[in-house]
Amino acid sequence: MTNQGSAMITKLAQMIDTTKTKVYVIVGRRTFSAAIIHTMELKRLLNATVIGEPTGGKPSFYGGVDTRYLPSSCLRIGFSRGHRKTTLDEVTANANTIVPDVIFPVTLQNYTSGTDAIYDWILRQ
């Protein structure tokens, strides 16, 4: 089953000429799960530039939560349905994070001044 995000990315890849259109993906320490999958798909299919901080999630992870009731105790348990691998490259798949192509750490100065260094950088490209 293809999820909506993946279907949208596949459709965009058919519509966008990546030699004329630049695609950027902003990630950070709160990027994990489906966002990891979509980041890797955007990078692979649309040659996206990944910007921000290293992600909180790994490129290879257990996901797809399911629940079951244990027959003897009637306890409800949650578990991952399977292992997700977002790349065939073993070095990337076994990494603890996705390291952006362009790193922009969150700084107190940017936060207190209300500036967005990543947005400003994208506009200058």
N, C-alpha and C. Protein backbone atom coordinates (compact mmCIF):
# COMPACT_ATOMS: atom_id res chain seq x y z
N MET A 1 0.83 -1.18 0.00
CA MET A 1 0.00 0.00 0.00
C MET A 1 0.88 1.24 0.00
N THR A 2 0.61 2.16 -0.90
CA THR A 2 1.37 3.41 -0.98
C THR A 2 0.65 4.48 -0.18
N ASN A 3 1.40 5.17 0.67
CA ASN A 3 0.74 6.23 1.44
C ASN A 3 0.63 7.50 0.62
N GLN A 4 -0.14 8.44 1.12
CA GLN A 4 -0.44 9.66 0.37
C GLN A 4 0.81 10.49 0.08
N GLY A 5 1.71 10.60 1.07
CA GLY A 5 2.93 11.38 0.87
C GLY A 5 3.80 10.81 -0.24
N SER A 6 3.99 9.52 -0.22
CA SER A 6 4.80 8.88 -1.26
C SER A 6 4.15 9.00 -2.63
N ALA A 7 2.84 8.86 -2.69
CA ALA A 7 2.12 9.01 -3.96
C ALA A 7 2.27 10.44 -4.50
N MET A 8 2.20 11.43 -3.61
CA MET A 8 2.36 12.83 -4.04
C MET A 8 3.78 13.07 -4.56
N ILE A 9 4.79 12.54 -3.87
CA ILE A 9 6.17 12.73 -4.29
C ILE A 9 6.41 12.08 -5.65
N THR A 10 5.86 10.90 -5.85
CA THR A 10 5.99 10.21 -7.14
C THR A 10 5.35 11.04 -8.25
N LYS A 11 4.19 11.60 -7.99
CA LYS A 11 3.48 12.43 -8.97
C LYS A 11 4.28 13.71 -9.27
N LEU A 12 4.83 14.33 -8.23
CA LEU A 12 5.66 15.52 -8.43
C LEU A 12 6.88 15.21 -9.29
N ALA A 13 7.48 14.05 -9.06
CA ALA A 13 8.66 13.65 -9.83
C ALA A 13 8.35 13.52 -11.31
N GLN A 14 7.11 13.16 -11.63
CA GLN A 14 6.69 13.06 -13.02
C GLN A 14 6.43 14.43 -13.64
N MET A 15 6.11 15.40 -12.80
CA MET A 15 5.72 16.73 -13.28
C MET A 15 6.86 17.75 -13.31
N ILE A 16 7.84 17.60 -12.42
CA ILE A 16 8.86 18.63 -12.24
C ILE A 16 10.13 18.28 -13.00
N ASP A 17 10.63 19.27 -13.73
CA ASP A 17 11.92 19.15 -14.40
C ASP A 17 12.98 19.64 -13.42
N THR A 18 13.73 18.71 -12.83
CA THR A 18 14.68 19.08 -11.78
C THR A 18 15.90 19.82 -12.31
N THR A 19 16.04 19.92 -13.63
CA THR A 19 17.13 20.75 -14.16
C THR A 19 16.74 22.22 -14.12
N LYS A 20 15.44 22.49 -13.99
CA LYS A 20 14.95 23.88 -13.96
C LYS A 20 14.40 24.29 -12.60
N THR A 21 13.99 23.32 -11.80
CA THR A 21 13.35 23.61 -10.51
C THR A 21 14.17 23.00 -9.39
N LYS A 22 14.52 23.84 -8.41
CA LYS A 22 15.25 23.35 -7.24
C LYS A 22 14.25 22.95 -6.16
N VAL A 23 14.52 21.82 -5.53
CA VAL A 23 13.66 21.32 -4.45
C VAL A 23 14.48 21.28 -3.17
N TYR A 24 13.92 21.82 -2.09
CA TYR A 24 14.60 21.84 -0.80
C TYR A 24 13.74 21.13 0.23
N VAL A 25 14.39 20.38 1.12
CA VAL A 25 13.73 19.70 2.22
C VAL A 25 14.38 20.19 3.50
N ILE A 26 13.58 20.70 4.42
CA ILE A 26 14.10 21.18 5.70
C ILE A 26 13.85 20.11 6.75
N VAL A 27 14.92 19.69 7.43
CA VAL A 27 14.83 18.66 8.45
C VAL A 27 15.46 19.16 9.75
N GLY A 28 15.18 18.44 10.82
CA GLY A 28 15.76 18.81 12.11
C GLY A 28 15.67 17.67 13.09
N ARG A 29 15.96 17.98 14.33
CA ARG A 29 16.00 16.93 15.38
C ARG A 29 14.63 16.31 15.63
N ARG A 30 13.55 16.95 15.18
CA ARG A 30 12.21 16.38 15.35
C ARG A 30 11.71 15.70 14.07
N THR A 31 12.61 15.44 13.13
CA THR A 31 12.28 14.73 11.90
C THR A 31 12.51 13.24 12.12
N PHE A 32 11.45 12.44 11.96
CA PHE A 32 11.56 11.00 12.13
C PHE A 32 10.39 10.33 11.44
N SER A 33 10.39 9.02 11.40
CA SER A 33 9.30 8.19 10.89
C SER A 33 8.98 8.51 9.43
N ALA A 34 7.73 8.84 9.13
CA ALA A 34 7.31 9.09 7.75
C ALA A 34 8.10 10.24 7.13
N ALA A 35 8.47 11.23 7.93
CA ALA A 35 9.25 12.36 7.39
C ALA A 35 10.61 11.90 6.89
N ILE A 36 11.19 10.88 7.53
CA ILE A 36 12.47 10.31 7.06
C ILE A 36 12.25 9.66 5.70
N ILE A 37 11.19 8.89 5.58
CA ILE A 37 10.88 8.23 4.31
C ILE A 37 10.70 9.26 3.21
N HIS A 38 9.92 10.31 3.48
CA HIS A 38 9.66 11.33 2.47
C HIS A 38 10.90 12.13 2.12
N THR A 39 11.75 12.40 3.11
CA THR A 39 13.01 13.10 2.84
C THR A 39 13.86 12.30 1.86
N MET A 40 13.99 11.01 2.12
CA MET A 40 14.81 10.16 1.25
C MET A 40 14.19 10.03 -0.14
N GLU A 41 12.86 9.97 -0.23
CA GLU A 41 12.20 9.90 -1.54
C GLU A 41 12.39 11.19 -2.32
N LEU A 42 12.27 12.33 -1.65
CA LEU A 42 12.46 13.62 -2.31
C LEU A 42 13.90 13.76 -2.81
N LYS A 43 14.84 13.30 -2.02
CA LYS A 43 16.24 13.37 -2.42
C LYS A 43 16.48 12.46 -3.64
N ARG A 44 15.94 11.26 -3.61
CA ARG A 44 16.15 10.29 -4.69
C ARG A 44 15.40 10.67 -5.97
N LEU A 45 14.13 11.02 -5.85
CA LEU A 45 13.30 11.25 -7.03
C LEU A 45 13.38 12.67 -7.59
N LEU A 46 13.63 13.66 -6.72
CA LEU A 46 13.63 15.05 -7.16
C LEU A 46 14.96 15.75 -6.96
N ASN A 47 15.99 14.99 -6.61
CA ASN A 47 17.32 15.55 -6.40
C ASN A 47 17.27 16.71 -5.40
N ALA A 48 16.48 16.56 -4.35
CA ALA A 48 16.29 17.62 -3.37
C ALA A 48 17.56 17.86 -2.57
N THR A 49 17.74 19.11 -2.18
CA THR A 49 18.81 19.49 -1.26
C THR A 49 18.22 19.47 0.14
N VAL A 50 18.83 18.71 1.03
CA VAL A 50 18.36 18.60 2.41
C VAL A 50 19.09 19.63 3.25
N ILE A 51 18.32 20.43 4.00
CA ILE A 51 18.86 21.55 4.76
C ILE A 51 18.37 21.48 6.20
N GLY A 52 19.20 21.90 7.14
CA GLY A 52 18.78 22.01 8.53
C GLY A 52 19.74 21.33 9.49
N GLU A 53 19.17 20.67 10.47
CA GLU A 53 19.95 19.94 11.47
C GLU A 53 19.87 18.44 11.19
N PRO A 54 20.81 17.67 11.71
CA PRO A 54 20.68 16.21 11.59
C PRO A 54 19.34 15.75 12.17
N THR A 55 18.77 14.74 11.56
CA THR A 55 17.43 14.29 11.95
C THR A 55 17.44 13.53 13.27
N GLY A 56 16.29 13.47 13.89
CA GLY A 56 16.12 12.70 15.11
C GLY A 56 15.92 11.23 14.84
N GLY A 57 15.51 10.89 13.63
CA GLY A 57 15.26 9.50 13.28
C GLY A 57 16.32 8.94 12.37
N LYS A 58 16.46 7.64 12.38
CA LYS A 58 17.44 6.95 11.55
C LYS A 58 16.85 6.66 10.16
N PRO A 59 17.70 6.56 9.14
CA PRO A 59 17.22 6.22 7.79
C PRO A 59 16.67 4.79 7.70
N SER A 60 16.95 3.97 8.67
CA SER A 60 16.45 2.60 8.71
C SER A 60 15.83 2.41 10.09
N PHE A 61 14.55 2.03 10.13
CA PHE A 61 13.86 1.99 11.42
C PHE A 61 12.70 1.01 11.39
N TYR A 62 12.19 0.70 12.56
CA TYR A 62 10.99 -0.12 12.68
C TYR A 62 9.79 0.81 12.71
N GLY A 63 8.76 0.50 11.96
CA GLY A 63 7.61 1.37 11.89
C GLY A 63 6.36 0.64 11.49
N GLY A 64 5.31 1.41 11.22
CA GLY A 64 4.04 0.82 10.87
C GLY A 64 3.40 0.16 12.08
N VAL A 65 2.98 0.95 13.03
CA VAL A 65 2.47 0.42 14.30
C VAL A 65 1.15 -0.32 14.11
N ASP A 66 1.04 -1.44 14.79
CA ASP A 66 -0.17 -2.24 14.79
C ASP A 66 -0.48 -2.60 16.24
N THR A 67 -1.70 -3.03 16.51
CA THR A 67 -2.07 -3.45 17.87
C THR A 67 -2.74 -4.81 17.82
N ARG A 68 -2.62 -5.52 18.91
CA ARG A 68 -3.27 -6.83 19.06
C ARG A 68 -3.68 -6.99 20.52
N TYR A 69 -4.69 -7.81 20.73
CA TYR A 69 -5.08 -8.19 22.09
C TYR A 69 -4.52 -9.59 22.35
N LEU A 70 -3.84 -9.73 23.47
CA LEU A 70 -3.31 -11.04 23.84
C LEU A 70 -4.47 -11.91 24.31
N PRO A 71 -4.61 -13.11 23.77
CA PRO A 71 -5.81 -13.93 24.03
C PRO A 71 -5.98 -14.35 25.49
N SER A 72 -4.93 -14.65 26.18
CA SER A 72 -5.07 -15.13 27.56
C SER A 72 -5.32 -14.00 28.56
N SER A 73 -4.61 -12.90 28.38
CA SER A 73 -4.72 -11.80 29.35
C SER A 73 -5.65 -10.69 28.89
N CYS A 74 -5.98 -10.66 27.61
CA CYS A 74 -6.79 -9.60 26.99
C CYS A 74 -6.09 -8.23 27.06
N LEU A 75 -4.78 -8.25 27.27
CA LEU A 75 -4.01 -7.00 27.25
C LEU A 75 -3.84 -6.54 25.81
N ARG A 76 -3.92 -5.25 25.61
CA ARG A 76 -3.70 -4.68 24.29
C ARG A 76 -2.24 -4.28 24.19
N ILE A 77 -1.56 -4.73 23.13
CA ILE A 77 -0.16 -4.38 22.93
C ILE A 77 0.00 -3.67 21.59
N GLY A 78 0.98 -2.79 21.51
CA GLY A 78 1.33 -2.12 20.27
C GLY A 78 2.70 -2.59 19.84
N PHE A 79 2.91 -2.72 18.52
CA PHE A 79 4.19 -3.20 18.01
C PHE A 79 4.40 -2.70 16.59
N SER A 80 5.65 -2.70 16.17
CA SER A 80 5.98 -2.31 14.80
C SER A 80 5.72 -3.48 13.87
N ARG A 81 5.10 -3.17 12.74
CA ARG A 81 4.79 -4.21 11.76
C ARG A 81 6.01 -4.67 10.99
N GLY A 82 6.99 -3.81 10.82
CA GLY A 82 8.14 -4.23 10.02
C GLY A 82 9.27 -3.24 10.04
N HIS A 83 10.35 -3.64 9.44
CA HIS A 83 11.55 -2.82 9.35
C HIS A 83 11.51 -2.04 8.05
N ARG A 84 11.71 -0.72 8.13
CA ARG A 84 11.72 0.14 6.95
C ARG A 84 13.15 0.52 6.63
N LYS A 85 13.52 0.36 5.40
CA LYS A 85 14.84 0.75 4.92
C LYS A 85 14.62 1.77 3.82
N THR A 86 15.12 2.99 4.00
CA THR A 86 14.84 4.05 3.04
C THR A 86 15.88 4.16 1.94
N THR A 87 16.92 3.34 2.01
CA THR A 87 17.97 3.37 1.00
C THR A 87 18.64 2.01 0.90
N LEU A 88 19.20 1.73 -0.25
CA LEU A 88 19.95 0.49 -0.43
C LEU A 88 21.41 0.67 -0.04
N ASP A 89 21.84 1.92 0.11
CA ASP A 89 23.21 2.21 0.53
C ASP A 89 23.36 1.83 2.01
N GLU A 90 24.14 0.81 2.28
CA GLU A 90 24.26 0.28 3.64
C GLU A 90 24.84 1.29 4.62
N VAL A 91 25.78 2.13 4.18
CA VAL A 91 26.37 3.12 5.09
C VAL A 91 25.29 4.12 5.53
N THR A 92 24.50 4.61 4.60
CA THR A 92 23.41 5.53 4.93
C THR A 92 22.34 4.85 5.75
N ALA A 93 21.97 3.64 5.37
CA ALA A 93 20.91 2.90 6.06
C ALA A 93 21.27 2.62 7.52
N ASN A 94 22.54 2.40 7.80
CA ASN A 94 22.97 2.07 9.16
C ASN A 94 23.39 3.29 9.98
N ALA A 95 23.29 4.47 9.41
CA ALA A 95 23.66 5.69 10.14
C ALA A 95 22.63 5.98 11.24
N ASN A 96 23.02 6.76 12.22
CA ASN A 96 22.12 7.13 13.32
C ASN A 96 21.23 8.31 12.98
N THR A 97 21.49 8.97 11.88
CA THR A 97 20.75 10.17 11.51
C THR A 97 20.91 10.42 10.01
N ILE A 98 20.11 11.33 9.47
CA ILE A 98 20.35 11.84 8.12
C ILE A 98 21.04 13.18 8.32
N VAL A 99 22.23 13.30 7.79
CA VAL A 99 22.97 14.55 7.90
C VAL A 99 22.60 15.39 6.68
N PRO A 100 22.10 16.60 6.89
CA PRO A 100 21.70 17.44 5.76
C PRO A 100 22.88 17.78 4.84
N ASP A 101 22.55 18.10 3.59
CA ASP A 101 23.56 18.57 2.64
C ASP A 101 24.11 19.92 3.09
N VAL A 102 23.24 20.75 3.64
CA VAL A 102 23.62 22.07 4.17
C VAL A 102 23.14 22.13 5.61
N ILE A 103 24.06 22.29 6.55
CA ILE A 103 23.71 22.27 7.98
C ILE A 103 23.45 23.69 8.49
N PHE A 104 22.30 23.84 9.13
CA PHE A 104 21.90 25.10 9.77
C PHE A 104 21.46 24.80 11.19
N PRO A 105 22.35 24.93 12.17
CA PRO A 105 21.91 24.68 13.54
C PRO A 105 20.97 25.79 14.02
N VAL A 106 20.07 25.44 14.91
CA VAL A 106 19.19 26.44 15.52
C VAL A 106 20.03 27.24 16.50
N THR A 107 19.95 28.56 16.38
CA THR A 107 20.71 29.41 17.30
C THR A 107 19.76 30.29 18.10
N LEU A 108 20.17 30.63 19.27
CA LEU A 108 19.38 31.52 20.12
C LEU A 108 19.21 32.87 19.45
N GLN A 109 20.26 33.36 18.80
CA GLN A 109 20.21 34.67 18.14
C GLN A 109 19.13 34.69 17.06
N ASN A 110 19.08 33.64 16.21
CA ASN A 110 18.04 33.59 15.18
C ASN A 110 16.65 33.49 15.80
N TYR A 111 16.53 32.69 16.84
CA TYR A 111 15.24 32.50 17.50
C TYR A 111 14.74 33.80 18.11
N THR A 112 15.60 34.50 18.86
CA THR A 112 15.16 35.73 19.55
C THR A 112 14.97 36.90 18.59
N SER A 113 15.69 36.89 17.46
CA SER A 113 15.54 37.98 16.50
C SER A 113 14.39 37.73 15.53
N GLY A 114 13.85 36.52 15.54
CA GLY A 114 12.74 36.19 14.65
C GLY A 114 13.17 35.96 13.22
N THR A 115 14.46 35.72 12.99
CA THR A 115 14.93 35.46 11.63
C THR A 115 14.95 33.96 11.37
N ASP A 116 14.83 33.60 10.11
CA ASP A 116 14.87 32.21 9.70
C ASP A 116 16.03 32.05 8.73
N ALA A 117 17.17 31.58 9.25
CA ALA A 117 18.38 31.47 8.44
C ALA A 117 18.19 30.54 7.25
N ILE A 118 17.44 29.47 7.42
CA ILE A 118 17.23 28.52 6.33
C ILE A 118 16.41 29.16 5.21
N TYR A 119 15.33 29.83 5.58
CA TYR A 119 14.49 30.50 4.57
C TYR A 119 15.28 31.56 3.83
N ASP A 120 16.06 32.35 4.57
CA ASP A 120 16.88 33.38 3.94
C ASP A 120 17.89 32.76 2.97
N TRP A 121 18.49 31.62 3.36
CA TRP A 121 19.47 30.94 2.50
C TRP A 121 18.80 30.45 1.23
N ILE A 122 17.64 29.85 1.34
CA ILE A 122 16.91 29.35 0.16
C ILE A 122 16.60 30.49 -0.80
N LEU A 123 16.16 31.63 -0.27
CA LEU A 123 15.85 32.76 -1.13
C LEU A 123 17.06 33.28 -1.90
N ARG A 124 18.24 33.12 -1.32
CA ARG A 124 19.47 33.58 -2.00
C ARG A 124 19.96 32.61 -3.08
N GLN A 125 19.39 31.43 -3.15
CA GLN A 125 19.86 30.44 -4.13
C GLN A 125 19.36 30.74 -5.52
